[in-house]
Amino acid sequence: MSTPYELLGGEVGVRSLANEFYQVMAQRADASTIRAMHAKDTSAVAEKLFMFLSGWMGGPDLYFEKHGTVCLSGQHAKFAIGSNERDQWLRCMDQALVNLNASDELIEMLKDPVFNLAEMMRNAE
């Protein structure tokens, strides 16, 4: 069985997903709350997302190699992240996957894990 990393096209595909995610976030009016949590220039955070997703999706563990252990909830604790913010993030990720023509197999494979990842960041109602 292929990993999400492989199904997305390896490093190039995962990097494209991270970049597309932030482009989608910038374009969607219904993502304005989470967009406001980020710096104007999202290139650095897109790179961190790429490195995280690489390992999380079954590829090289680039984030760990560069930054060590990742505690996502700790990194996001300074932001109020409720159901609304979680859902904004999920809509952006869903759209980014569609924009990259991700296969139905990959989208289905990621549905629950991506939701669980976003839900872990929730620290408010």
N, C-alpha and C. Protein backbone atom coordinates (compact mmCIF):
# COMPACT_ATOMS: atom_id res chain seq x y z
N MET A 1 0.85 -1.19 0.00
CA MET A 1 0.00 0.00 0.00
C MET A 1 0.89 1.25 0.00
N SER A 2 0.54 2.19 -0.83
CA SER A 2 1.32 3.43 -0.93
C SER A 2 1.02 4.36 0.23
N THR A 3 2.01 5.14 0.61
CA THR A 3 1.82 6.15 1.65
C THR A 3 1.22 7.40 1.02
N PRO A 4 0.61 8.27 1.82
CA PRO A 4 0.14 9.55 1.29
C PRO A 4 1.28 10.33 0.63
N TYR A 5 2.47 10.25 1.19
CA TYR A 5 3.64 10.92 0.63
C TYR A 5 3.87 10.47 -0.81
N GLU A 6 3.81 9.17 -1.03
CA GLU A 6 4.02 8.62 -2.36
C GLU A 6 2.86 8.99 -3.29
N LEU A 7 1.64 8.89 -2.80
CA LEU A 7 0.47 9.20 -3.62
C LEU A 7 0.43 10.65 -4.04
N LEU A 8 0.99 11.52 -3.22
CA LEU A 8 1.00 12.94 -3.55
C LEU A 8 2.15 13.30 -4.49
N GLY A 9 3.08 12.39 -4.69
CA GLY A 9 4.19 12.65 -5.60
C GLY A 9 5.50 12.95 -4.93
N GLY A 10 5.63 12.49 -3.67
CA GLY A 10 6.89 12.68 -2.96
C GLY A 10 7.13 14.12 -2.57
N GLU A 11 8.41 14.47 -2.50
CA GLU A 11 8.80 15.80 -2.01
C GLU A 11 8.14 16.92 -2.81
N VAL A 12 8.14 16.80 -4.12
CA VAL A 12 7.56 17.86 -4.95
C VAL A 12 6.08 18.04 -4.65
N GLY A 13 5.35 16.94 -4.54
CA GLY A 13 3.92 17.02 -4.27
C GLY A 13 3.60 17.56 -2.89
N VAL A 14 4.36 17.14 -1.90
CA VAL A 14 4.11 17.62 -0.53
C VAL A 14 4.46 19.10 -0.42
N ARG A 15 5.53 19.51 -1.05
CA ARG A 15 5.89 20.94 -1.05
C ARG A 15 4.80 21.75 -1.75
N SER A 16 4.29 21.22 -2.85
CA SER A 16 3.21 21.90 -3.57
C SER A 16 1.97 22.03 -2.70
N LEU A 17 1.66 20.98 -1.94
CA LEU A 17 0.50 21.02 -1.05
C LEU A 17 0.67 22.11 0.01
N ALA A 18 1.82 22.17 0.63
CA ALA A 18 2.06 23.19 1.67
C ALA A 18 1.92 24.59 1.09
N ASN A 19 2.51 24.81 -0.08
CA ASN A 19 2.42 26.13 -0.71
C ASN A 19 1.00 26.45 -1.15
N GLU A 20 0.33 25.47 -1.72
CA GLU A 20 -1.06 25.68 -2.18
C GLU A 20 -1.98 25.95 -0.99
N PHE A 21 -1.74 25.28 0.12
CA PHE A 21 -2.54 25.50 1.32
C PHE A 21 -2.53 26.98 1.71
N TYR A 22 -1.35 27.58 1.74
CA TYR A 22 -1.28 28.99 2.14
C TYR A 22 -1.80 29.93 1.06
N GLN A 23 -1.72 29.53 -0.19
CA GLN A 23 -2.34 30.34 -1.25
C GLN A 23 -3.86 30.32 -1.11
N VAL A 24 -4.39 29.14 -0.86
CA VAL A 24 -5.83 29.00 -0.65
C VAL A 24 -6.25 29.84 0.55
N MET A 25 -5.50 29.74 1.64
CA MET A 25 -5.83 30.49 2.85
C MET A 25 -5.89 31.99 2.56
N ALA A 26 -4.99 32.48 1.75
CA ALA A 26 -4.95 33.91 1.43
C ALA A 26 -6.12 34.32 0.55
N GLN A 27 -6.65 33.39 -0.22
CA GLN A 27 -7.71 33.71 -1.18
C GLN A 27 -9.12 33.56 -0.63
N ARG A 28 -9.29 32.73 0.35
CA ARG A 28 -10.63 32.43 0.85
C ARG A 28 -11.05 33.43 1.92
N ALA A 29 -12.15 34.11 1.66
CA ALA A 29 -12.68 35.05 2.65
C ALA A 29 -13.08 34.33 3.93
N ASP A 30 -13.52 33.07 3.79
CA ASP A 30 -13.96 32.32 4.98
C ASP A 30 -12.79 31.73 5.76
N ALA A 31 -11.57 32.12 5.41
CA ALA A 31 -10.38 31.70 6.17
C ALA A 31 -9.67 32.90 6.78
N SER A 32 -10.36 34.02 6.83
CA SER A 32 -9.71 35.26 7.29
C SER A 32 -9.25 35.18 8.74
N THR A 33 -9.95 34.44 9.57
CA THR A 33 -9.55 34.35 10.98
C THR A 33 -8.21 33.65 11.12
N ILE A 34 -8.03 32.52 10.43
CA ILE A 34 -6.75 31.83 10.55
C ILE A 34 -5.66 32.55 9.76
N ARG A 35 -6.03 33.21 8.69
CA ARG A 35 -5.01 33.96 7.93
C ARG A 35 -4.42 35.06 8.80
N ALA A 36 -5.26 35.69 9.62
CA ALA A 36 -4.81 36.77 10.50
C ALA A 36 -3.84 36.28 11.58
N MET A 37 -3.78 34.99 11.81
CA MET A 37 -2.86 34.41 12.80
C MET A 37 -1.44 34.28 12.24
N HIS A 38 -1.28 34.53 10.96
CA HIS A 38 0.00 34.33 10.29
C HIS A 38 0.62 35.65 9.87
N ALA A 39 1.93 35.65 9.70
CA ALA A 39 2.64 36.81 9.18
C ALA A 39 2.20 37.06 7.74
N LYS A 40 2.43 38.26 7.27
CA LYS A 40 2.08 38.59 5.89
C LYS A 40 2.77 37.65 4.91
N ASP A 41 4.05 37.41 5.14
CA ASP A 41 4.82 36.49 4.32
C ASP A 41 4.73 35.10 4.94
N THR A 42 4.09 34.18 4.24
CA THR A 42 3.89 32.83 4.78
C THR A 42 4.93 31.83 4.27
N SER A 43 5.97 32.30 3.62
CA SER A 43 6.94 31.36 3.05
C SER A 43 7.64 30.52 4.12
N ALA A 44 7.98 31.12 5.24
CA ALA A 44 8.67 30.36 6.30
C ALA A 44 7.74 29.31 6.91
N VAL A 45 6.50 29.66 7.16
CA VAL A 45 5.57 28.69 7.76
C VAL A 45 5.18 27.63 6.73
N ALA A 46 5.14 27.98 5.46
CA ALA A 46 4.87 26.99 4.42
C ALA A 46 5.99 25.96 4.37
N GLU A 47 7.22 26.41 4.56
CA GLU A 47 8.36 25.49 4.59
C GLU A 47 8.26 24.56 5.79
N LYS A 48 7.86 25.10 6.94
CA LYS A 48 7.70 24.25 8.13
C LYS A 48 6.57 23.25 7.93
N LEU A 49 5.48 23.70 7.30
CA LEU A 49 4.38 22.77 7.03
C LEU A 49 4.84 21.67 6.09
N PHE A 50 5.58 22.03 5.05
CA PHE A 50 6.12 21.03 4.14
C PHE A 50 6.97 20.01 4.89
N MET A 51 7.88 20.49 5.74
CA MET A 51 8.76 19.57 6.46
C MET A 51 7.96 18.65 7.39
N PHE A 52 6.96 19.22 8.07
CA PHE A 52 6.12 18.42 8.95
C PHE A 52 5.34 17.38 8.15
N LEU A 53 4.65 17.84 7.09
CA LEU A 53 3.83 16.93 6.30
C LEU A 53 4.65 15.82 5.66
N SER A 54 5.88 16.12 5.31
CA SER A 54 6.74 15.10 4.71
C SER A 54 6.80 13.87 5.60
N GLY A 55 7.16 14.05 6.84
CA GLY A 55 7.23 12.92 7.77
C GLY A 55 5.87 12.38 8.15
N TRP A 56 4.91 13.26 8.35
CA TRP A 56 3.58 12.86 8.78
C TRP A 56 2.90 12.00 7.71
N MET A 57 3.23 12.26 6.45
CA MET A 57 2.62 11.51 5.34
C MET A 57 3.43 10.28 4.93
N GLY A 58 4.49 9.97 5.67
CA GLY A 58 5.23 8.75 5.40
C GLY A 58 6.51 8.94 4.62
N GLY A 59 6.95 10.17 4.44
CA GLY A 59 8.21 10.44 3.76
C GLY A 59 9.30 10.76 4.76
N PRO A 60 10.36 11.38 4.30
CA PRO A 60 11.46 11.75 5.21
C PRO A 60 10.97 12.66 6.33
N ASP A 61 11.48 12.43 7.52
CA ASP A 61 11.06 13.20 8.71
C ASP A 61 11.88 14.48 8.80
N LEU A 62 11.67 15.35 7.85
CA LEU A 62 12.48 16.56 7.70
C LEU A 62 12.35 17.53 8.88
N TYR A 63 11.13 17.66 9.40
CA TYR A 63 10.93 18.60 10.52
C TYR A 63 11.75 18.15 11.72
N PHE A 64 11.65 16.88 12.05
CA PHE A 64 12.38 16.35 13.20
C PHE A 64 13.89 16.51 13.00
N GLU A 65 14.37 16.23 11.80
CA GLU A 65 15.80 16.34 11.50
C GLU A 65 16.32 17.76 11.71
N LYS A 66 15.48 18.75 11.42
CA LYS A 66 15.93 20.15 11.53
C LYS A 66 15.59 20.78 12.87
N HIS A 67 14.40 20.46 13.40
CA HIS A 67 13.91 21.16 14.59
C HIS A 67 13.75 20.28 15.82
N GLY A 68 13.89 18.97 15.66
CA GLY A 68 13.67 18.07 16.79
C GLY A 68 12.20 17.73 16.93
N THR A 69 11.85 17.25 18.10
CA THR A 69 10.48 16.83 18.37
C THR A 69 9.51 17.97 18.15
N VAL A 70 8.39 17.65 17.55
CA VAL A 70 7.37 18.65 17.28
C VAL A 70 6.21 18.47 18.26
N CYS A 71 5.83 19.58 18.87
CA CYS A 71 4.65 19.60 19.73
C CYS A 71 3.71 20.64 19.12
N LEU A 72 2.87 20.19 18.20
CA LEU A 72 2.01 21.11 17.46
C LEU A 72 1.08 21.89 18.36
N SER A 73 0.49 21.22 19.34
CA SER A 73 -0.45 21.94 20.21
C SER A 73 0.28 23.02 21.01
N GLY A 74 1.51 22.77 21.40
CA GLY A 74 2.29 23.78 22.11
C GLY A 74 2.61 24.97 21.23
N GLN A 75 2.95 24.71 19.97
CA GLN A 75 3.27 25.79 19.04
C GLN A 75 2.05 26.64 18.71
N HIS A 76 0.88 26.04 18.79
CA HIS A 76 -0.34 26.76 18.45
C HIS A 76 -1.07 27.31 19.68
N ALA A 77 -0.54 27.07 20.87
CA ALA A 77 -1.23 27.46 22.11
C ALA A 77 -1.44 28.96 22.24
N LYS A 78 -0.61 29.76 21.59
CA LYS A 78 -0.75 31.22 21.71
C LYS A 78 -1.94 31.76 20.91
N PHE A 79 -2.57 30.89 20.11
CA PHE A 79 -3.73 31.29 19.32
C PHE A 79 -4.98 30.64 19.88
N ALA A 80 -6.09 31.36 19.85
CA ALA A 80 -7.38 30.77 20.22
C ALA A 80 -7.88 30.01 19.00
N ILE A 81 -7.87 28.69 19.11
CA ILE A 81 -8.29 27.84 18.00
C ILE A 81 -9.49 27.03 18.46
N GLY A 82 -10.63 27.43 17.95
CA GLY A 82 -11.87 26.73 18.24
C GLY A 82 -12.34 25.94 17.03
N SER A 83 -13.57 25.50 17.07
CA SER A 83 -14.14 24.73 15.97
C SER A 83 -14.14 25.52 14.67
N ASN A 84 -14.42 26.81 14.76
CA ASN A 84 -14.45 27.65 13.57
C ASN A 84 -13.08 27.71 12.90
N GLU A 85 -12.04 27.94 13.68
CA GLU A 85 -10.68 28.00 13.13
C GLU A 85 -10.24 26.64 12.59
N ARG A 86 -10.58 25.59 13.33
CA ARG A 86 -10.28 24.24 12.85
C ARG A 86 -10.92 24.00 11.49
N ASP A 87 -12.19 24.37 11.38
CA ASP A 87 -12.91 24.13 10.13
C ASP A 87 -12.38 25.00 9.00
N GLN A 88 -11.94 26.21 9.30
CA GLN A 88 -11.32 27.04 8.27
C GLN A 88 -10.07 26.34 7.74
N TRP A 89 -9.25 25.83 8.65
CA TRP A 89 -8.02 25.13 8.26
C TRP A 89 -8.34 23.92 7.40
N LEU A 90 -9.35 23.15 7.82
CA LEU A 90 -9.73 21.95 7.08
C LEU A 90 -10.24 22.29 5.68
N ARG A 91 -11.04 23.35 5.56
CA ARG A 91 -11.52 23.75 4.23
C ARG A 91 -10.36 24.15 3.33
N CYS A 92 -9.38 24.84 3.87
CA CYS A 92 -8.21 25.24 3.08
C CYS A 92 -7.41 24.01 2.64
N MET A 93 -7.23 23.06 3.54
CA MET A 93 -6.48 21.85 3.19
C MET A 93 -7.26 21.03 2.16
N ASP A 94 -8.56 20.91 2.36
CA ASP A 94 -9.38 20.17 1.39
C ASP A 94 -9.27 20.81 0.01
N GLN A 95 -9.39 22.13 -0.06
CA GLN A 95 -9.33 22.81 -1.34
C GLN A 95 -7.94 22.69 -1.96
N ALA A 96 -6.90 22.78 -1.15
CA ALA A 96 -5.54 22.64 -1.66
C ALA A 96 -5.35 21.26 -2.29
N LEU A 97 -5.86 20.22 -1.65
CA LEU A 97 -5.76 18.87 -2.22
C LEU A 97 -6.51 18.77 -3.55
N VAL A 98 -7.70 19.35 -3.61
CA VAL A 98 -8.48 19.35 -4.85
C VAL A 98 -7.74 20.14 -5.93
N ASN A 99 -7.21 21.31 -5.56
CA ASN A 99 -6.50 22.15 -6.53
C ASN A 99 -5.30 21.42 -7.13
N LEU A 100 -4.69 20.53 -6.35
CA LEU A 100 -3.53 19.78 -6.83
C LEU A 100 -3.93 18.48 -7.52
N ASN A 101 -5.22 18.31 -7.73
CA ASN A 101 -5.74 17.10 -8.39
C ASN A 101 -5.34 15.82 -7.65
N ALA A 102 -5.40 15.89 -6.33
CA ALA A 102 -5.13 14.70 -5.52
C ALA A 102 -6.16 13.63 -5.86
N SER A 103 -5.72 12.40 -5.84
CA SER A 103 -6.62 11.29 -6.17
C SER A 103 -7.69 11.13 -5.09
N ASP A 104 -8.81 10.54 -5.51
CA ASP A 104 -9.87 10.23 -4.54
C ASP A 104 -9.33 9.32 -3.45
N GLU A 105 -8.45 8.40 -3.83
CA GLU A 105 -7.84 7.48 -2.86
C GLU A 105 -7.08 8.26 -1.78
N LEU A 106 -6.30 9.23 -2.21
CA LEU A 106 -5.52 10.02 -1.25
C LEU A 106 -6.43 10.87 -0.38
N ILE A 107 -7.41 11.52 -0.98
CA ILE A 107 -8.33 12.37 -0.22
C ILE A 107 -9.04 11.54 0.84
N GLU A 108 -9.51 10.36 0.48
CA GLU A 108 -10.19 9.48 1.44
C GLU A 108 -9.22 9.00 2.51
N MET A 109 -8.00 8.67 2.12
CA MET A 109 -6.98 8.20 3.06
C MET A 109 -6.65 9.27 4.11
N LEU A 110 -6.68 10.53 3.70
CA LEU A 110 -6.29 11.62 4.59
C LEU A 110 -7.45 12.21 5.40
N LYS A 111 -8.67 11.90 5.01
CA LYS A 111 -9.84 12.56 5.61
C LYS A 111 -9.83 12.53 7.14
N ASP A 112 -9.80 11.35 7.72
CA ASP A 112 -9.83 11.25 9.19
C ASP A 112 -8.53 11.72 9.84
N PRO A 113 -7.36 11.31 9.32
CA PRO A 113 -6.12 11.80 9.95
C PRO A 113 -5.96 13.32 9.92
N VAL A 114 -6.37 13.95 8.83
CA VAL A 114 -6.26 15.41 8.74
C VAL A 114 -7.22 16.06 9.72
N PHE A 115 -8.44 15.52 9.82
CA PHE A 115 -9.38 16.05 10.81
C PHE A 115 -8.81 15.91 12.21
N ASN A 116 -8.28 14.74 12.52
CA ASN A 116 -7.71 14.51 13.86
C ASN A 116 -6.55 15.45 14.14
N LEU A 117 -5.73 15.71 13.15
CA LEU A 117 -4.62 16.64 13.31
C LEU A 117 -5.15 18.04 13.63
N ALA A 118 -6.13 18.48 12.87
CA ALA A 118 -6.70 19.81 13.10
C ALA A 118 -7.41 19.88 14.45
N GLU A 119 -8.09 18.82 14.82
CA GLU A 119 -8.79 18.79 16.09
C GLU A 119 -7.83 18.87 17.27
N MET A 120 -6.64 18.29 17.13
CA MET A 120 -5.64 18.35 18.20
C MET A 120 -5.21 19.78 18.50
N MET A 121 -5.33 20.67 17.55
CA MET A 121 -4.91 22.06 17.74
C MET A 121 -5.96 22.88 18.48
N ARG A 122 -7.19 22.35 18.55
CA ARG A 122 -8.30 23.09 19.16
C ARG A 122 -8.04 23.27 20.65
N ASN A 123 -8.09 24.51 21.08
CA ASN A 123 -7.87 24.83 22.50
C ASN A 123 -8.93 25.81 23.01
N ALA A 124 -9.95 26.02 22.22
CA ALA A 124 -11.05 26.93 22.58
C ALA A 124 -12.33 26.37 21.98
N GLU A 125 -13.43 26.95 22.33
CA GLU A 125 -14.72 26.51 21.76
C GLU A 125 -14.94 27.29 20.50
